[in-house]
PDB file of N, CA and C in Angstrom:
ATOM      1  N   MET A   1       7.978  23.383   1.954  1.00  0.00           N
ATOM      2  CA  MET A   1       7.706  22.334   2.911  1.00  0.00           C
ATOM      3  C   MET A   1       7.761  20.980   2.206  1.00  0.00           C
ATOM      4  N   SER A   2       8.458  20.041   2.762  1.00  0.00           N
ATOM      5  CA  SER A   2       8.585  18.712   2.173  1.00  0.00           C
ATOM      6  C   SER A   2       7.328  17.900   2.403  1.00  0.00           C
ATOM      7  N   THR A   3       7.020  17.080   1.411  1.00  0.00           N
ATOM      8  CA  THR A   3       5.922  16.140   1.563  1.00  0.00           C
ATOM      9  C   THR A   3       6.437  14.902   2.272  1.00  0.00           C
ATOM     10  N   PHE A   4       5.673  14.402   3.200  1.00  0.00           N
ATOM     11  CA  PHE A   4       6.047  13.168   3.870  1.00  0.00           C
ATOM     12  C   PHE A   4       4.804  12.300   3.990  1.00  0.00           C
ATOM     13  N   TRP A   5       5.024  11.013   4.190  1.00  0.00           N
ATOM     14  CA  TRP A   5       3.910  10.102   4.446  1.00  0.00           C
ATOM     15  C   TRP A   5       4.371   8.934   5.282  1.00  0.00           C
ATOM     16  N   MET A   6       3.425   8.361   5.967  1.00  0.00           N
ATOM     17  CA  MET A   6       3.693   7.225   6.833  1.00  0.00           C
ATOM     18  C   MET A   6       2.535   6.256   6.673  1.00  0.00           C
ATOM     19  N   ILE A   7       2.868   4.999   6.447  1.00  0.00           N
ATOM     20  CA  ILE A   7       1.858   3.954   6.336  1.00  0.00           C
ATOM     21  C   ILE A   7       2.249   2.846   7.292  1.00  0.00           C
ATOM     22  N   ALA A   8       1.279   2.356   8.046  1.00  0.00           N
ATOM     23  CA  ALA A   8       1.512   1.239   8.967  1.00  0.00           C
ATOM     24  C   ALA A   8       0.461   0.166   8.714  1.00  0.00           C
ATOM     25  N   SER A   9       0.856  -1.068   8.901  1.00  0.00           N
ATOM     26  CA  SER A   9      -0.061  -2.170   8.624  1.00  0.00           C
ATOM     27  C   SER A   9      -1.034  -2.432   9.769  1.00  0.00           C
ATOM     28  N   SER A  10      -0.738  -1.928  10.949  1.00  0.00           N
ATOM     29  CA  SER A  10      -1.651  -2.112  12.077  1.00  0.00           C
ATOM     30  C   SER A  10      -1.337  -1.070  13.153  1.00  0.00           C
ATOM     31  N   THR A  11      -2.221  -0.987  14.122  1.00  0.00           N
ATOM     32  CA  THR A  11      -1.974  -0.070  15.227  1.00  0.00           C
ATOM     33  C   THR A  11      -0.938  -0.677  16.174  1.00  0.00           C
ATOM     34  N   ASN A  12      -0.519   0.104  17.136  1.00  0.00           N
ATOM     35  CA  ASN A  12       0.501  -0.382  18.080  1.00  0.00           C
ATOM     36  C   ASN A  12      -0.041  -1.425  19.056  1.00  0.00           C
ATOM     37  N   THR A  13      -1.336  -1.662  19.062  1.00  0.00           N
ATOM     38  CA  THR A  13      -1.914  -2.665  19.960  1.00  0.00           C
ATOM     39  C   THR A  13      -2.431  -3.890  19.215  1.00  0.00           C
ATOM     40  N   GLU A  14      -2.136  -3.983  17.920  1.00  0.00           N
ATOM     41  CA  GLU A  14      -2.608  -5.096  17.099  1.00  0.00           C
ATOM     42  C   GLU A  14      -1.456  -5.925  16.562  1.00  0.00           C
ATOM     43  N   ILE A  15      -1.795  -7.096  16.094  1.00  0.00           N
ATOM     44  CA  ILE A  15      -0.855  -7.945  15.373  1.00  0.00           C
ATOM     45  C   ILE A  15      -0.959  -7.591  13.901  1.00  0.00           C
ATOM     46  N   SER A  16       0.162  -7.468  13.236  1.00  0.00           N
ATOM     47  CA  SER A  16       0.186  -7.316  11.789  1.00  0.00           C
ATOM     48  C   SER A  16       0.333  -8.712  11.204  1.00  0.00           C
ATOM     49  N   TRP A  17      -0.663  -9.128  10.453  1.00  0.00           N
ATOM     50  CA  TRP A  17      -0.747 -10.515  10.008  1.00  0.00           C
ATOM     51  C   TRP A  17       0.193 -10.852   8.862  1.00  0.00           C
ATOM     52  N   ALA A  18       0.671 -12.081   8.883  1.00  0.00           N
ATOM     53  CA  ALA A  18       1.479 -12.618   7.787  1.00  0.00           C
ATOM     54  C   ALA A  18       0.555 -13.181   6.716  1.00  0.00           C
ATOM     55  N   SER A  19       1.101 -13.383   5.534  1.00  0.00           N
ATOM     56  CA  SER A  19       0.352 -14.038   4.471  1.00  0.00           C
ATOM     57  C   SER A  19       0.092 -15.486   4.862  1.00  0.00           C
ATOM     58  N   GLU A  20      -0.788 -16.157   4.121  1.00  0.00           N
ATOM     59  CA  GLU A  20      -1.128 -17.551   4.426  1.00  0.00           C
ATOM     60  C   GLU A  20       0.108 -18.449   4.497  1.00  0.00           C
ATOM     61  N   ASP A  21       1.102 -18.206   3.637  1.00  0.00           N
ATOM     62  CA  ASP A  21       2.304 -19.041   3.626  1.00  0.00           C
ATOM     63  C   ASP A  21       3.359 -18.581   4.636  1.00  0.00           C
ATOM     64  N   GLY A  22       3.080 -17.476   5.340  1.00  0.00           N
ATOM     65  CA  GLY A  22       3.979 -16.991   6.375  1.00  0.00           C
ATOM     66  C   GLY A  22       5.224 -16.280   5.874  1.00  0.00           C
ATOM     67  N   GLN A  23       5.304 -16.008   4.579  1.00  0.00           N
ATOM     68  CA  GLN A  23       6.516 -15.399   4.021  1.00  0.00           C
ATOM     69  C   GLN A  23       6.521 -13.875   4.077  1.00  0.00           C
ATOM     70  N   PHE A  24       5.352 -13.245   4.083  1.00  0.00           N
ATOM     71  CA  PHE A  24       5.272 -11.790   3.989  1.00  0.00           C
ATOM     72  C   PHE A  24       4.294 -11.229   5.013  1.00  0.00           C
ATOM     73  N   ASP A  25       4.506  -9.994   5.440  1.00  0.00           N
ATOM     74  CA  ASP A  25       3.471  -9.256   6.131  1.00  0.00           C
ATOM     75  C   ASP A  25       2.424  -8.948   5.061  1.00  0.00           C
ATOM     76  N   GLU A  26       1.202  -9.400   5.257  1.00  0.00           N
ATOM     77  CA  GLU A  26       0.187  -9.311   4.207  1.00  0.00           C
ATOM     78  C   GLU A  26      -0.050  -7.883   3.706  1.00  0.00           C
ATOM     79  N   PHE A  27      -0.330  -6.955   4.613  1.00  0.00           N
ATOM     80  CA  PHE A  27      -0.640  -5.593   4.190  1.00  0.00           C
ATOM     81  C   PHE A  27       0.545  -4.933   3.488  1.00  0.00           C
ATOM     82  N   LEU A  28       1.737  -5.052   4.072  1.00  0.00           N
ATOM     83  CA  LEU A  28       2.911  -4.420   3.467  1.00  0.00           C
ATOM     84  C   LEU A  28       3.286  -5.063   2.134  1.00  0.00           C
ATOM     85  N   TYR A  29       3.045  -6.355   2.006  1.00  0.00           N
ATOM     86  CA  TYR A  29       3.260  -7.036   0.723  1.00  0.00           C
ATOM     87  C   TYR A  29       2.327  -6.462  -0.345  1.00  0.00           C
ATOM     88  N   LEU A  30       1.055  -6.317  -0.008  1.00  0.00           N
ATOM     89  CA  LEU A  30       0.089  -5.763  -0.960  1.00  0.00           C
ATOM     90  C   LEU A  30       0.421  -4.314  -1.306  1.00  0.00           C
ATOM     91  N   LEU A  31       0.834  -3.549  -0.316  1.00  0.00           N
ATOM     92  CA  LEU A  31       1.216  -2.154  -0.535  1.00  0.00           C
ATOM     93  C   LEU A  31       2.416  -2.064  -1.482  1.00  0.00           C
ATOM     94  N   THR A  32       3.436  -2.869  -1.225  1.00  0.00           N
ATOM     95  CA  THR A  32       4.628  -2.883  -2.076  1.00  0.00           C
ATOM     96  C   THR A  32       4.292  -3.345  -3.486  1.00  0.00           C
ATOM     97  N   SER A  33       3.434  -4.337  -3.604  1.00  0.00           N
ATOM     98  CA  SER A  33       3.000  -4.810  -4.924  1.00  0.00           C
ATOM     99  C   SER A  33       2.294  -3.699  -5.698  1.00  0.00           C
ATOM    100  N   ALA A  34       1.477  -2.925  -5.004  1.00  0.00           N
ATOM    101  CA  ALA A  34       0.775  -1.810  -5.659  1.00  0.00           C
ATOM    102  C   ALA A  34       1.773  -0.801  -6.209  1.00  0.00           C
ATOM    103  N   PHE A  35       2.763  -0.405  -5.400  1.00  0.00           N
ATOM    104  CA  PHE A  35       3.775   0.545  -5.870  1.00  0.00           C
ATOM    105  C   PHE A  35       4.609  -0.023  -7.010  1.00  0.00           C
ATOM    106  N   ALA A  36       4.865  -1.322  -6.982  1.00  0.00           N
ATOM    107  CA  ALA A  36       5.703  -1.969  -8.004  1.00  0.00           C
ATOM    108  C   ALA A  36       4.918  -2.346  -9.261  1.00  0.00           C
ATOM    109  N   HIS A  37       3.595  -2.219  -9.223  1.00  0.00           N
ATOM    110  CA  HIS A  37       2.724  -2.599 -10.345  1.00  0.00           C
ATOM    111  C   HIS A  37       2.737  -4.099 -10.604  1.00  0.00           C
ATOM    112  N   GLN A  38       3.276  -4.880  -9.677  1.00  0.00           N
ATOM    113  CA  GLN A  38       3.321  -6.339  -9.834  1.00  0.00           C
ATOM    114  C   GLN A  38       3.624  -6.999  -8.498  1.00  0.00           C
ATOM    115  N   ASN A  39       3.279  -8.277  -8.385  1.00  0.00           N
ATOM    116  CA  ASN A  39       3.625  -9.001  -7.165  1.00  0.00           C
ATOM    117  C   ASN A  39       5.001  -9.645  -7.319  1.00  0.00           C
ATOM    118  N   HIS A  40       5.435 -10.407  -6.338  1.00  0.00           N
ATOM    119  CA  HIS A  40       6.780 -10.985  -6.359  1.00  0.00           C
ATOM    120  C   HIS A  40       6.949 -12.033  -7.452  1.00  0.00           C
ATOM    121  N   GLU A  41       5.855 -12.562  -7.986  1.00  0.00           N
ATOM    122  CA  GLU A  41       5.926 -13.539  -9.080  1.00  0.00           C
ATOM    123  C   GLU A  41       5.862 -12.872 -10.454  1.00  0.00           C
ATOM    124  N   GLY A  42       5.721 -11.542 -10.468  1.00  0.00           N
ATOM    125  CA  GLY A  42       5.661 -10.810 -11.725  1.00  0.00           C
ATOM    126  C   GLY A  42       4.269 -10.627 -12.289  1.00  0.00           C
ATOM    127  N   THR A  43       3.253 -11.089 -11.560  1.00  0.00           N
ATOM    128  CA  THR A  43       1.871 -10.905 -12.003  1.00  0.00           C
ATOM    129  C   THR A  43       1.481  -9.448 -11.842  1.00  0.00           C
ATOM    130  N   ARG A  44       0.932  -8.868 -12.904  1.00  0.00           N
ATOM    131  CA  ARG A  44       0.575  -7.448 -12.909  1.00  0.00           C
ATOM    132  C   ARG A  44      -0.457  -7.136 -11.838  1.00  0.00           C
ATOM    133  N   VAL A  45      -0.283  -6.010 -11.174  1.00  0.00           N
ATOM    134  CA  VAL A  45      -1.191  -5.500 -10.152  1.00  0.00           C
ATOM    135  C   VAL A  45      -1.673  -4.136 -10.618  1.00  0.00           C
ATOM    136  N   ASN A  46      -2.980  -3.922 -10.617  1.00  0.00           N
ATOM    137  CA  ASN A  46      -3.507  -2.630 -11.038  1.00  0.00           C
ATOM    138  C   ASN A  46      -4.084  -1.889  -9.839  1.00  0.00           C
ATOM    139  N   ALA A  47      -3.320  -0.957  -9.308  1.00  0.00           N
ATOM    140  CA  ALA A  47      -3.768  -0.113  -8.204  1.00  0.00           C
ATOM    141  C   ALA A  47      -3.937   1.329  -8.664  1.00  0.00           C
ATOM    142  N   ASP A  48      -3.806   1.574  -9.959  1.00  0.00           N
ATOM    143  CA  ASP A  48      -3.848   2.921 -10.533  1.00  0.00           C
ATOM    144  C   ASP A  48      -5.298   3.368 -10.726  1.00  0.00           C
ATOM    145  N   LEU A  49      -5.876   3.966  -9.694  1.00  0.00           N
ATOM    146  CA  LEU A  49      -7.290   4.322  -9.721  1.00  0.00           C
ATOM    147  C   LEU A  49      -7.631   5.429 -10.713  1.00  0.00           C
ATOM    148  N   ASP A  50      -6.702   6.347 -10.961  1.00  0.00           N
ATOM    149  CA  ASP A  50      -7.001   7.440 -11.885  1.00  0.00           C
ATOM    150  C   ASP A  50      -6.422   7.236 -13.281  1.00  0.00           C
ATOM    151  N   GLY A  51      -5.777   6.116 -13.514  1.00  0.00           N
ATOM    152  CA  GLY A  51      -5.298   5.771 -14.845  1.00  0.00           C
ATOM    153  C   GLY A  51      -4.141   6.601 -15.368  1.00  0.00           C
ATOM    154  N   ASN A  52      -3.328   7.194 -14.483  1.00  0.00           N
ATOM    155  CA  ASN A  52      -2.219   8.042 -14.944  1.00  0.00           C
ATOM    156  C   ASN A  52      -0.859   7.328 -14.926  1.00  0.00           C
ATOM    157  N   SER A  53      -0.863   6.022 -14.719  1.00  0.00           N
ATOM    158  CA  SER A  53       0.348   5.182 -14.677  1.00  0.00           C
ATOM    159  C   SER A  53       1.254   5.462 -13.489  1.00  0.00           C
ATOM    160  N   LYS A  54       0.767   6.181 -12.508  1.00  0.00           N
ATOM    161  CA  LYS A  54       1.525   6.463 -11.297  1.00  0.00           C
ATOM    162  C   LYS A  54       0.674   6.052 -10.098  1.00  0.00           C
ATOM    163  N   ILE A  55       1.324   5.586  -9.067  1.00  0.00           N
ATOM    164  CA  ILE A  55       0.622   5.135  -7.874  1.00  0.00           C
ATOM    165  C   ILE A  55       0.921   6.088  -6.719  1.00  0.00           C
ATOM    166  N   THR A  56      -0.120   6.693  -6.188  1.00  0.00           N
ATOM    167  CA  THR A  56       0.043   7.542  -5.005  1.00  0.00           C
ATOM    168  C   THR A  56      -0.044   6.673  -3.760  1.00  0.00           C
ATOM    169  N   ALA A  57       0.332   7.255  -2.635  1.00  0.00           N
ATOM    170  CA  ALA A  57       0.210   6.541  -1.364  1.00  0.00           C
ATOM    171  C   ALA A  57      -1.237   6.146  -1.122  1.00  0.00           C
ATOM    172  N   ARG A  58      -2.169   7.014  -1.457  1.00  0.00           N
ATOM    173  CA  ARG A  58      -3.595   6.691  -1.274  1.00  0.00           C
ATOM    174  C   ARG A  58      -4.027   5.525  -2.155  1.00  0.00           C
ATOM    175  N   GLU A  59      -3.569   5.489  -3.385  1.00  0.00           N
ATOM    176  CA  GLU A  59      -3.939   4.387  -4.284  1.00  0.00           C
ATOM    177  C   GLU A  59      -3.374   3.061  -3.788  1.00  0.00           C
ATOM    178  N   ALA A  60      -2.116   3.061  -3.378  1.00  0.00           N
ATOM    179  CA  ALA A  60      -1.500   1.837  -2.868  1.00  0.00           C
ATOM    180  C   ALA A  60      -2.191   1.385  -1.587  1.00  0.00           C
ATOM    181  N   TYR A  61      -2.498   2.327  -0.720  1.00  0.00           N
ATOM    182  CA  TYR A  61      -3.187   2.040   0.531  1.00  0.00           C
ATOM    183  C   TYR A  61      -4.573   1.450   0.256  1.00  0.00           C
ATOM    184  N   ALA A  62      -5.320   2.067  -0.657  1.00  0.00           N
ATOM    185  CA  ALA A  62      -6.658   1.576  -1.010  1.00  0.00           C
ATOM    186  C   ALA A  62      -6.585   0.168  -1.593  1.00  0.00           C
ATOM    187  N   TYR A  63      -5.597  -0.084  -2.435  1.00  0.00           N
ATOM    188  CA  TYR A  63      -5.426  -1.414  -3.018  1.00  0.00           C
ATOM    189  C   TYR A  63      -5.181  -2.446  -1.921  1.00  0.00           C
ATOM    190  N   ALA A  64      -4.253  -2.145  -1.028  1.00  0.00           N
ATOM    191  CA  ALA A  64      -3.923  -3.086   0.046  1.00  0.00           C
ATOM    192  C   ALA A  64      -5.123  -3.332   0.962  1.00  0.00           C
ATOM    193  N   LEU A  65      -5.897  -2.285   1.233  1.00  0.00           N
ATOM    194  CA  LEU A  65      -7.089  -2.449   2.068  1.00  0.00           C
ATOM    195  C   LEU A  65      -8.100  -3.396   1.428  1.00  0.00           C
ATOM    196  N   THR A  66      -8.300  -3.262   0.120  1.00  0.00           N
ATOM    197  CA  THR A  66      -9.326  -4.070  -0.556  1.00  0.00           C
ATOM    198  C   THR A  66      -8.885  -5.505  -0.774  1.00  0.00           C
ATOM    199  N   LYS A  67      -7.600  -5.764  -0.819  1.00  0.00           N
ATOM    200  CA  LYS A  67      -7.095  -7.110  -1.102  1.00  0.00           C
ATOM    201  C   LYS A  67      -6.720  -7.904   0.148  1.00  0.00           C
ATOM    202  N   GLY A  68      -6.596  -7.221   1.269  1.00  0.00           N
ATOM    203  CA  GLY A  68      -6.197  -7.906   2.502  1.00  0.00           C
ATOM    204  C   GLY A  68      -7.231  -8.924   2.946  1.00  0.00           C
ATOM    205  N   GLN A  69      -6.756 -10.038   3.468  1.00  0.00           N
ATOM    206  CA  GLN A  69      -7.633 -11.136   3.882  1.00  0.00           C
ATOM    207  C   GLN A  69      -7.842 -11.203   5.392  1.00  0.00           C
ATOM    208  N   ARG A  70      -7.030 -10.508   6.152  1.00  0.00           N
ATOM    209  CA  ARG A  70      -7.104 -10.605   7.611  1.00  0.00           C
ATOM    210  C   ARG A  70      -7.437  -9.260   8.224  1.00  0.00           C
ATOM    211  N   TRP A  71      -8.098  -9.317   9.371  1.00  0.00           N
ATOM    212  CA  TRP A  71      -8.526  -8.091  10.024  1.00  0.00           C
ATOM    213  C   TRP A  71      -7.362  -7.429  10.748  1.00  0.00           C
ATOM    214  N   GLU A  72      -7.122  -6.183  10.390  1.00  0.00           N
ATOM    215  CA  GLU A  72      -6.201  -5.315  11.108  1.00  0.00           C
ATOM    216  C   GLU A  72      -6.590  -3.887  10.775  1.00  0.00           C
ATOM    217  N   SER A  73      -5.965  -2.919  11.375  1.00  0.00           N
ATOM    218  CA  SER A  73      -6.343  -1.516  11.182  1.00  0.00           C
ATOM    219  C   SER A  73      -5.189  -0.715  10.595  1.00  0.00           C
ATOM    220  N   PRO A  74      -4.903  -0.885   9.301  1.00  0.00           N
ATOM    221  CA  PRO A  74      -3.826  -0.110   8.679  1.00  0.00           C
ATOM    222  C   PRO A  74      -4.121   1.389   8.742  1.00  0.00           C
ATOM    223  N   LEU A  75      -3.080   2.192   8.711  1.00  0.00           N
ATOM    224  CA  LEU A  75      -3.297   3.632   8.695  1.00  0.00           C
ATOM    225  C   LEU A  75      -2.345   4.316   7.735  1.00  0.00           C
ATOM    226  N   LEU A  76      -2.823   5.455   7.242  1.00  0.00           N
ATOM    227  CA  LEU A  76      -2.070   6.293   6.300  1.00  0.00           C
ATOM    228  C   LEU A  76      -2.099   7.703   6.826  1.00  0.00           C
ATOM    229  N   GLU A  77      -0.963   8.287   7.026  1.00  0.00           N
ATOM    230  CA  GLU A  77      -0.853   9.667   7.489  1.00  0.00           C
ATOM    231  C   GLU A  77       0.212  10.371   6.676  1.00  0.00           C
ATOM    232  N   GLY A  78       0.028  11.660   6.467  1.00  0.00           N
ATOM    233  CA  GLY A  78       1.040  12.427   5.770  1.00  0.00           C
ATOM    234  C   GLY A  78       0.687  13.892   5.702  1.00  0.00           C
ATOM    235  N   SER A  79       1.607  14.684   5.197  1.00  0.00           N
ATOM    236  CA  SER A  79       1.327  16.100   5.040  1.00  0.00           C
ATOM    237  C   SER A  79       0.216  16.255   4.020  1.00  0.00           C
ATOM    238  N   GLY A  80      -0.751  17.086   4.311  1.00  0.00           N
ATOM    239  CA  GLY A  80      -1.892  17.263   3.421  1.00  0.00           C
ATOM    240  C   GLY A  80      -2.748  16.008   3.351  1.00  0.00           C
ATOM    241  N   ASN A  81      -2.703  15.167   4.380  1.00  0.00           N
ATOM    242  CA  ASN A  81      -3.415  13.890   4.446  1.00  0.00           C
ATOM    243  C   ASN A  81      -3.086  12.997   3.262  1.00  0.00           C
ATOM    244  N   SER A  82      -1.893  13.126   2.727  1.00  0.00           N
ATOM    245  CA  SER A  82      -1.340  12.240   1.700  1.00  0.00           C
ATOM    246  C   SER A  82      -2.047  12.288   0.356  1.00  0.00           C
ATOM    247  N   ASN A  83      -2.822  13.319   0.083  1.00  0.00           N
ATOM    248  CA  ASN A  83      -3.523  13.410  -1.190  1.00  0.00           C
ATOM    249  C   ASN A  83      -2.552  13.410  -2.370  1.00  0.00           C
ATOM    250  N   THR A  84      -1.468  14.140  -2.246  1.00  0.00           N
ATOM    251  CA  THR A  84      -0.469  14.177  -3.309  1.00  0.00           C
ATOM    252  C   THR A  84       0.866  13.689  -2.782  1.00  0.00           C
ATOM    253  N   ALA A  85       0.800  12.755  -1.869  1.00  0.00           N
ATOM    254  CA  ALA A  85       2.034  12.204  -1.301  1.00  0.00           C
ATOM    255  C   ALA A  85       2.903  11.618  -2.387  1.00  0.00           C
ATOM    256  N   PHE A  86       4.118  11.353  -2.042  1.00  0.00           N
ATOM    257  CA  PHE A  86       5.111  10.808  -2.946  1.00  0.00           C
ATOM    258  C   PHE A  86       4.507   9.858  -3.972  1.00  0.00           C
ATOM    259  N   VAL A  87       4.710  10.156  -5.218  1.00  0.00           N
ATOM    260  CA  VAL A  87       4.112   9.366  -6.301  1.00  0.00           C
ATOM    261  C   VAL A  87       5.191   8.519  -6.955  1.00  0.00           C
ATOM    262  N   ILE A  88       4.908   7.249  -7.123  1.00  0.00           N
ATOM    263  CA  ILE A  88       5.806   6.336  -7.793  1.00  0.00           C
ATOM    264  C   ILE A  88       5.117   5.872  -9.054  1.00  0.00           C
ATOM    265  N   GLY A  89       5.793   5.891 -10.166  1.00  0.00           N
ATOM    266  CA  GLY A  89       5.159   5.443 -11.403  1.00  0.00           C
ATOM    267  C   GLY A  89       6.144   5.006 -12.445  1.00  0.00           C
ATOM    268  N   ILE A  90       5.610   4.493 -13.507  1.00  0.00           N
ATOM    269  CA  ILE A  90       6.415   4.070 -14.645  1.00  0.00           C
ATOM    270  C   ILE A  90       6.162   5.070 -15.764  1.00  0.00           C
ATOM    271  N   ASP A  91       7.199   5.760 -16.177  1.00  0.00           N
ATOM    272  CA  ASP A  91       7.053   6.746 -17.258  1.00  0.00           C
ATOM    273  C   ASP A  91       7.454   6.172 -18.587  1.00  0.00           C
TER     274      ASP A  91
END
């Protein structure tokens, strides 16, 4: 069985907020930064909660939740509730 995951920045009845400068969707920007280990300016981002140099969907999601500045209801769904969802890391 294939592992899959789905992350959304808000529910279907909410607005997904932009960053203060209006350039990025805030939640998705933070999520992408977590997976990339850095933001768009190259500043290091540490979302690696277990210290294994790999970012799971849960770690990226948790990072984005804690750093977001605007109220919305992001969600994370996946096979096995995304515990071992697709892992991205630097080896």
